[in-house]
Amino acid sequence: MKAFILKYYKLLILLIAIGLLVAFLLITFNHKSPAKMIKDSQSNHESAKILDEASEIEDEGEYIIKMDKNEVYSFQMTDNKDILLNIERKADKWIYSDDTSIELNQDRVDKILNYLTDVRFLNVIALGDDKDSDSYGLSKDSPVYVIKDANDYSTYISLGSVDEKSGQVYFALNYDFSNIYVNSGKLAGLHYYSINDLVQ
């Protein structure tokens, strides 16, 4: 009888352990990483939708930019063909300043603002000066994103290279390349949008 009870308890403990392992694996593989989603989007025909979804996932690290989207008056962004796009708000509607006849996808602009108004960093690399910033893909020629508020104050975000191993992306603020910020990789999503993705 004792042997039967002992076997029963061993079986019960084994089943609990298996259940916990399955739960752990499900949680691990279902956790959405924006950096991984962005990397995967490059080989996907619906990449803009994946970028939109990644924009809504909370990033890691400390805030360096945290703004209410309603405070953004206009912004500039470098698209995936390195074209600088000028977008501004007019009467609660986003317009493409370079060609106002183009109708913008307002929902997509809102997703792009998710990236621009919530910027975080995991680490800061202090170079002392900007002579070594090229090794992080950062220079005045890097893709740039500019947010302008109603007070006409502009913040410049320069996007550098993506670390192949970690997926993290380097960035700098206001053309100060003496301090390089390390983002989880989510911020890199900005550079994968094209002008065609923004058109309604």
C-alpha atoms as a PDB file:
ATOM      1  CA  MET A   1       0.000   0.000   0.000  1.00  0.00           C
ATOM      2  CA  LYS A   2       2.840   2.392   0.896  1.00  0.00           C
ATOM      3  CA  ALA A   3       4.590   1.511  -2.375  1.00  0.00           C
ATOM      4  CA  PHE A   4       1.399   2.384  -4.298  1.00  0.00           C
ATOM      5  CA  ILE A   5       1.068   5.767  -2.533  1.00  0.00           C
ATOM      6  CA  LEU A   6       4.748   6.516  -3.139  1.00  0.00           C
ATOM      7  CA  LYS A   7       4.361   5.739  -6.860  1.00  0.00           C
ATOM      8  CA  TYR A   8       1.239   7.923  -6.940  1.00  0.00           C
ATOM      9  CA  TYR A   9       3.109  10.881  -5.395  1.00  0.00           C
ATOM     10  CA  LYS A  10       6.064  10.420  -7.749  1.00  0.00           C
ATOM     11  CA  LEU A  11       3.708  10.398 -10.723  1.00  0.00           C
ATOM     12  CA  LEU A  12       1.914  13.496  -9.405  1.00  0.00           C
ATOM     13  CA  ILE A  13       5.204  15.376  -8.909  1.00  0.00           C
ATOM     14  CA  LEU A  14       6.337  14.362 -12.406  1.00  0.00           C
ATOM     15  CA  LEU A  15       3.075  15.603 -13.943  1.00  0.00           C
ATOM     16  CA  ILE A  16       3.345  18.925 -12.066  1.00  0.00           C
ATOM     17  CA  ALA A  17       6.954  19.349 -13.230  1.00  0.00           C
ATOM     18  CA  ILE A  18       5.949  18.654 -16.851  1.00  0.00           C
ATOM     19  CA  GLY A  19       3.046  21.111 -16.542  1.00  0.00           C
ATOM     20  CA  LEU A  20       5.350  23.824 -15.208  1.00  0.00           C
ATOM     21  CA  LEU A  21       7.867  23.193 -17.994  1.00  0.00           C
ATOM     22  CA  VAL A  22       5.163  23.424 -20.677  1.00  0.00           C
ATOM     23  CA  ALA A  23       3.825  26.658 -19.126  1.00  0.00           C
ATOM     24  CA  PHE A  24       7.343  28.135 -19.020  1.00  0.00           C
ATOM     25  CA  LEU A  25       7.971  27.256 -22.670  1.00  0.00           C
ATOM     26  CA  LEU A  26       4.631  28.731 -23.757  1.00  0.00           C
ATOM     27  CA  ILE A  27       5.329  31.998 -21.920  1.00  0.00           C
ATOM     28  CA  THR A  28       8.877  32.186 -23.289  1.00  0.00           C
ATOM     29  CA  PHE A  29       7.954  31.602 -26.920  1.00  0.00           C
ATOM     30  CA  ASN A  30       4.792  33.714 -26.854  1.00  0.00           C
ATOM     31  CA  HIS A  31       6.557  36.770 -25.402  1.00  0.00           C
ATOM     32  CA  LYS A  32       6.780  39.296 -28.221  1.00  0.00           C
ATOM     33  CA  SER A  33      10.076  41.070 -28.582  1.00  0.00           C
ATOM     34  CA  PRO A  34       9.791  44.213 -30.727  1.00  0.00           C
ATOM     35  CA  ALA A  35      13.428  43.875 -31.828  1.00  0.00           C
ATOM     36  CA  LYS A  36      12.823  40.283 -33.033  1.00  0.00           C
ATOM     37  CA  MET A  37       9.589  41.268 -34.772  1.00  0.00           C
ATOM     38  CA  ILE A  38      11.371  44.117 -36.568  1.00  0.00           C
ATOM     39  CA  LYS A  39      14.190  41.817 -37.691  1.00  0.00           C
ATOM     40  CA  ASP A  40      11.664  39.252 -38.947  1.00  0.00           C
ATOM     41  CA  SER A  41       9.645  41.943 -40.765  1.00  0.00           C
ATOM     42  CA  GLN A  42      12.486  42.493 -43.264  1.00  0.00           C
ATOM     43  CA  SER A  43      11.657  39.205 -44.980  1.00  0.00           C
ATOM     44  CA  ASN A  44       7.891  39.566 -44.725  1.00  0.00           C
ATOM     45  CA  HIS A  45       5.546  41.003 -47.369  1.00  0.00           C
ATOM     46  CA  GLU A  46       3.426  42.644 -44.672  1.00  0.00           C
ATOM     47  CA  SER A  47       6.389  44.243 -42.924  1.00  0.00           C
ATOM     48  CA  ALA A  48       4.620  47.569 -42.260  1.00  0.00           C
ATOM     49  CA  LYS A  49       1.865  45.777 -40.304  1.00  0.00           C
ATOM     50  CA  ILE A  50       4.498  43.971 -38.238  1.00  0.00           C
ATOM     51  CA  LEU A  51       6.295  47.273 -37.594  1.00  0.00           C
ATOM     52  CA  ASP A  52       2.962  48.786 -36.500  1.00  0.00           C
ATOM     53  CA  GLU A  53       2.405  45.930 -34.067  1.00  0.00           C
ATOM     54  CA  ALA A  54       5.961  46.191 -32.710  1.00  0.00           C
ATOM     55  CA  SER A  55       5.441  49.924 -32.111  1.00  0.00           C
ATOM     56  CA  GLU A  56       2.781  49.146 -29.497  1.00  0.00           C
ATOM     57  CA  ILE A  57       4.942  46.804 -27.402  1.00  0.00           C
ATOM     58  CA  GLU A  58       6.565  48.394 -24.370  1.00  0.00           C
ATOM     59  CA  ASP A  59      10.299  48.791 -24.856  1.00  0.00           C
ATOM     60  CA  GLU A  60      13.024  48.048 -22.300  1.00  0.00           C
ATOM     61  CA  GLY A  61      15.269  50.525 -20.523  1.00  0.00           C
ATOM     62  CA  GLU A  62      15.115  54.075 -19.228  1.00  0.00           C
ATOM     63  CA  TYR A  63      13.275  56.919 -20.944  1.00  0.00           C
ATOM     64  CA  ILE A  64      15.291  59.491 -22.807  1.00  0.00           C
ATOM     65  CA  ILE A  65      12.267  60.839 -24.731  1.00  0.00           C
ATOM     66  CA  LYS A  66       8.731  60.595 -23.379  1.00  0.00           C
ATOM     67  CA  MET A  67       6.129  62.815 -25.035  1.00  0.00           C
ATOM     68  CA  ASP A  68       2.401  62.884 -25.457  1.00  0.00           C
ATOM     69  CA  LYS A  69       1.706  62.333 -29.160  1.00  0.00           C
ATOM     70  CA  ASN A  70      -0.654  65.311 -29.101  1.00  0.00           C
ATOM     71  CA  GLU A  71       2.330  67.554 -28.303  1.00  0.00           C
ATOM     72  CA  VAL A  72       4.007  66.717 -31.624  1.00  0.00           C
ATOM     73  CA  TYR A  73       3.401  69.474 -34.163  1.00  0.00           C
ATOM     74  CA  SER A  74       5.481  68.018 -36.996  1.00  0.00           C
ATOM     75  CA  PHE A  75       8.190  65.442 -37.607  1.00  0.00           C
ATOM     76  CA  GLN A  76      10.701  64.324 -40.179  1.00  0.00           C
ATOM     77  CA  MET A  77      11.705  60.757 -40.812  1.00  0.00           C
ATOM     78  CA  THR A  78      14.198  59.008 -43.051  1.00  0.00           C
ATOM     79  CA  ASP A  79      12.452  56.148 -44.840  1.00  0.00           C
ATOM     80  CA  ASN A  80      14.001  52.858 -45.978  1.00  0.00           C
ATOM     81  CA  LYS A  81      15.212  54.470 -49.232  1.00  0.00           C
ATOM     82  CA  ASP A  82      16.927  57.247 -47.241  1.00  0.00           C
ATOM     83  CA  ILE A  83      14.367  59.845 -48.345  1.00  0.00           C
ATOM     84  CA  LEU A  84      13.671  62.492 -45.704  1.00  0.00           C
ATOM     85  CA  LEU A  85       9.899  62.829 -45.316  1.00  0.00           C
ATOM     86  CA  ASN A  86       8.320  65.970 -43.834  1.00  0.00           C
ATOM     87  CA  ILE A  87       5.030  65.391 -42.042  1.00  0.00           C
ATOM     88  CA  GLU A  88       3.020  67.977 -40.138  1.00  0.00           C
ATOM     89  CA  ARG A  89      -0.278  68.275 -38.322  1.00  0.00           C
ATOM     90  CA  LYS A  90      -2.922  70.557 -39.823  1.00  0.00           C
ATOM     91  CA  ALA A  91      -6.370  70.746 -38.231  1.00  0.00           C
ATOM     92  CA  ASP A  92      -5.900  67.424 -36.390  1.00  0.00           C
ATOM     93  CA  LYS A  93      -4.822  65.682 -39.583  1.00  0.00           C
ATOM     94  CA  TRP A  94      -1.334  64.589 -40.631  1.00  0.00           C
ATOM     95  CA  ILE A  95      -0.229  65.774 -44.061  1.00  0.00           C
ATOM     96  CA  TYR A  96       2.837  65.120 -46.209  1.00  0.00           C
ATOM     97  CA  SER A  97       4.297  68.636 -46.492  1.00  0.00           C
ATOM     98  CA  ASP A  98       6.309  67.895 -49.644  1.00  0.00           C
ATOM     99  CA  ASP A  99       3.157  66.931 -51.571  1.00  0.00           C
ATOM    100  CA  THR A 100      -0.138  67.762 -49.842  1.00  0.00           C
ATOM    101  CA  SER A 101      -2.112  65.936 -52.572  1.00  0.00           C
ATOM    102  CA  ILE A 102      -0.871  62.632 -51.098  1.00  0.00           C
ATOM    103  CA  GLU A 103      -3.334  61.263 -48.563  1.00  0.00           C
ATOM    104  CA  LEU A 104      -1.533  59.796 -45.561  1.00  0.00           C
ATOM    105  CA  ASN A 105      -2.626  56.740 -43.607  1.00  0.00           C
ATOM    106  CA  GLN A 106      -3.433  58.441 -40.292  1.00  0.00           C
ATOM    107  CA  ASP A 107      -3.306  55.194 -38.298  1.00  0.00           C
ATOM    108  CA  ARG A 108       0.169  54.406 -39.619  1.00  0.00           C
ATOM    109  CA  VAL A 109       1.434  57.879 -38.743  1.00  0.00           C
ATOM    110  CA  ASP A 110       0.140  57.262 -35.224  1.00  0.00           C
ATOM    111  CA  LYS A 111       2.154  53.994 -35.061  1.00  0.00           C
ATOM    112  CA  ILE A 112       5.302  55.830 -36.197  1.00  0.00           C
ATOM    113  CA  LEU A 113       4.732  58.338 -33.408  1.00  0.00           C
ATOM    114  CA  ASN A 114       4.741  55.420 -30.956  1.00  0.00           C
ATOM    115  CA  TYR A 115       8.423  54.989 -31.818  1.00  0.00           C
ATOM    116  CA  LEU A 116       9.329  58.685 -31.807  1.00  0.00           C
ATOM    117  CA  THR A 117       7.588  59.728 -28.592  1.00  0.00           C
ATOM    118  CA  ASP A 118       8.732  56.786 -26.448  1.00  0.00           C
ATOM    119  CA  VAL A 119      12.490  56.350 -26.823  1.00  0.00           C
ATOM    120  CA  ARG A 120      14.450  54.332 -24.272  1.00  0.00           C
ATOM    121  CA  PHE A 121      18.031  53.257 -23.755  1.00  0.00           C
ATOM    122  CA  LEU A 122      19.708  50.323 -22.045  1.00  0.00           C
ATOM    123  CA  ASN A 123      23.196  51.773 -21.854  1.00  0.00           C
ATOM    124  CA  VAL A 124      25.262  54.854 -22.723  1.00  0.00           C
ATOM    125  CA  ILE A 125      28.668  54.673 -24.364  1.00  0.00           C
ATOM    126  CA  ALA A 126      30.616  57.839 -23.528  1.00  0.00           C
ATOM    127  CA  LEU A 127      33.192  58.457 -26.246  1.00  0.00           C
ATOM    128  CA  GLY A 128      34.408  61.798 -24.931  1.00  0.00           C
ATOM    129  CA  ASP A 129      34.364  63.122 -28.495  1.00  0.00           C
ATOM    130  CA  ASP A 130      32.696  61.992 -31.692  1.00  0.00           C
ATOM    131  CA  LYS A 131      35.770  60.689 -33.560  1.00  0.00           C
ATOM    132  CA  ASP A 132      34.845  57.037 -32.909  1.00  0.00           C
ATOM    133  CA  SER A 133      31.113  57.374 -33.559  1.00  0.00           C
ATOM    134  CA  ASP A 134      31.522  56.006 -37.125  1.00  0.00           C
ATOM    135  CA  SER A 135      32.184  52.556 -35.673  1.00  0.00           C
ATOM    136  CA  TYR A 136      28.612  52.668 -34.316  1.00  0.00           C
ATOM    137  CA  GLY A 137      27.203  53.780 -37.679  1.00  0.00           C
ATOM    138  CA  LEU A 138      26.657  57.315 -36.418  1.00  0.00           C
ATOM    139  CA  SER A 139      27.572  60.495 -38.252  1.00  0.00           C
ATOM    140  CA  LYS A 140      25.815  63.544 -39.684  1.00  0.00           C
ATOM    141  CA  ASP A 141      24.910  61.340 -42.661  1.00  0.00           C
ATOM    142  CA  SER A 142      23.031  58.767 -40.519  1.00  0.00           C
ATOM    143  CA  PRO A 143      19.256  58.388 -40.904  1.00  0.00           C
ATOM    144  CA  VAL A 144      17.656  61.151 -38.839  1.00  0.00           C
ATOM    145  CA  TYR A 145      14.264  61.590 -37.192  1.00  0.00           C
ATOM    146  CA  VAL A 146      13.166  65.002 -35.960  1.00  0.00           C
ATOM    147  CA  ILE A 147      10.263  65.710 -33.604  1.00  0.00           C
ATOM    148  CA  LYS A 148       9.018  69.292 -33.356  1.00  0.00           C
ATOM    149  CA  ASP A 149       6.592  70.408 -30.656  1.00  0.00           C
ATOM    150  CA  ALA A 150       4.126  73.317 -30.608  1.00  0.00           C
ATOM    151  CA  ASN A 151       6.828  75.573 -29.093  1.00  0.00           C
ATOM    152  CA  ASP A 152       8.970  74.945 -32.187  1.00  0.00           C
ATOM    153  CA  TYR A 153      11.508  72.954 -30.156  1.00  0.00           C
ATOM    154  CA  SER A 154      13.109  70.166 -32.208  1.00  0.00           C
ATOM    155  CA  THR A 155      14.709  66.933 -31.015  1.00  0.00           C
ATOM    156  CA  TYR A 156      16.975  65.088 -33.452  1.00  0.00           C
ATOM    157  CA  ILE A 157      17.437  61.307 -33.268  1.00  0.00           C
ATOM    158  CA  SER A 158      20.257  59.870 -35.385  1.00  0.00           C
ATOM    159  CA  LEU A 159      20.014  56.137 -35.974  1.00  0.00           C
ATOM    160  CA  GLY A 160      23.186  54.065 -36.168  1.00  0.00           C
ATOM    161  CA  SER A 161      23.980  50.444 -36.891  1.00  0.00           C
ATOM    162  CA  VAL A 162      22.318  47.357 -35.443  1.00  0.00           C
ATOM    163  CA  ASP A 163      24.475  44.930 -33.453  1.00  0.00           C
ATOM    164  CA  GLU A 164      24.268  41.617 -35.317  1.00  0.00           C
ATOM    165  CA  LYS A 165      24.490  39.460 -32.192  1.00  0.00           C
ATOM    166  CA  SER A 166      22.198  41.297 -29.777  1.00  0.00           C
ATOM    167  CA  GLY A 167      19.912  43.082 -32.255  1.00  0.00           C
ATOM    168  CA  GLN A 168      20.453  46.289 -30.283  1.00  0.00           C
ATOM    169  CA  VAL A 169      20.636  49.578 -32.179  1.00  0.00           C
ATOM    170  CA  TYR A 170      22.853  52.596 -31.509  1.00  0.00           C
ATOM    171  CA  PHE A 171      21.492  56.127 -31.598  1.00  0.00           C
ATOM    172  CA  ALA A 172      22.471  59.698 -30.735  1.00  0.00           C
ATOM    173  CA  LEU A 173      20.514  62.817 -29.862  1.00  0.00           C
ATOM    174  CA  ASN A 174      20.790  66.301 -31.351  1.00  0.00           C
ATOM    175  CA  TYR A 175      23.927  65.433 -33.343  1.00  0.00           C
ATOM    176  CA  ASP A 176      25.918  64.889 -30.157  1.00  0.00           C
ATOM    177  CA  PHE A 177      27.974  61.852 -31.144  1.00  0.00           C
ATOM    178  CA  SER A 178      30.136  61.933 -28.028  1.00  0.00           C
ATOM    179  CA  ASN A 179      27.419  59.944 -26.189  1.00  0.00           C
ATOM    180  CA  ILE A 180      26.084  56.862 -27.951  1.00  0.00           C
ATOM    181  CA  TYR A 181      22.855  55.369 -26.611  1.00  0.00           C
ATOM    182  CA  VAL A 182      22.012  51.687 -26.878  1.00  0.00           C
ATOM    183  CA  ASN A 183      18.390  50.785 -27.615  1.00  0.00           C
ATOM    184  CA  SER A 184      16.933  47.263 -27.327  1.00  0.00           C
ATOM    185  CA  GLY A 185      16.449  47.220 -31.114  1.00  0.00           C
ATOM    186  CA  LYS A 186      12.878  48.480 -31.248  1.00  0.00           C
ATOM    187  CA  LEU A 187      13.947  51.936 -32.457  1.00  0.00           C
ATOM    188  CA  ALA A 188      15.410  50.374 -35.621  1.00  0.00           C
ATOM    189  CA  GLY A 189      11.839  49.767 -36.810  1.00  0.00           C
ATOM    190  CA  LEU A 190      11.596  53.406 -37.870  1.00  0.00           C
ATOM    191  CA  HIS A 191      14.030  52.922 -40.723  1.00  0.00           C
ATOM    192  CA  TYR A 192      12.083  50.036 -42.303  1.00  0.00           C
ATOM    193  CA  TYR A 193       9.022  52.122 -43.190  1.00  0.00           C
ATOM    194  CA  SER A 194       8.775  53.407 -46.753  1.00  0.00           C
ATOM    195  CA  ILE A 195       6.831  56.370 -48.141  1.00  0.00           C
ATOM    196  CA  ASN A 196       4.502  53.822 -49.775  1.00  0.00           C
ATOM    197  CA  ASP A 197       3.648  52.435 -46.320  1.00  0.00           C
ATOM    198  CA  LEU A 198       2.408  55.881 -45.291  1.00  0.00           C
ATOM    199  CA  VAL A 199       0.157  56.467 -48.282  1.00  0.00           C
ATOM    200  CA  GLN A 200      -3.543  55.800 -47.708  1.00  0.00           C
END
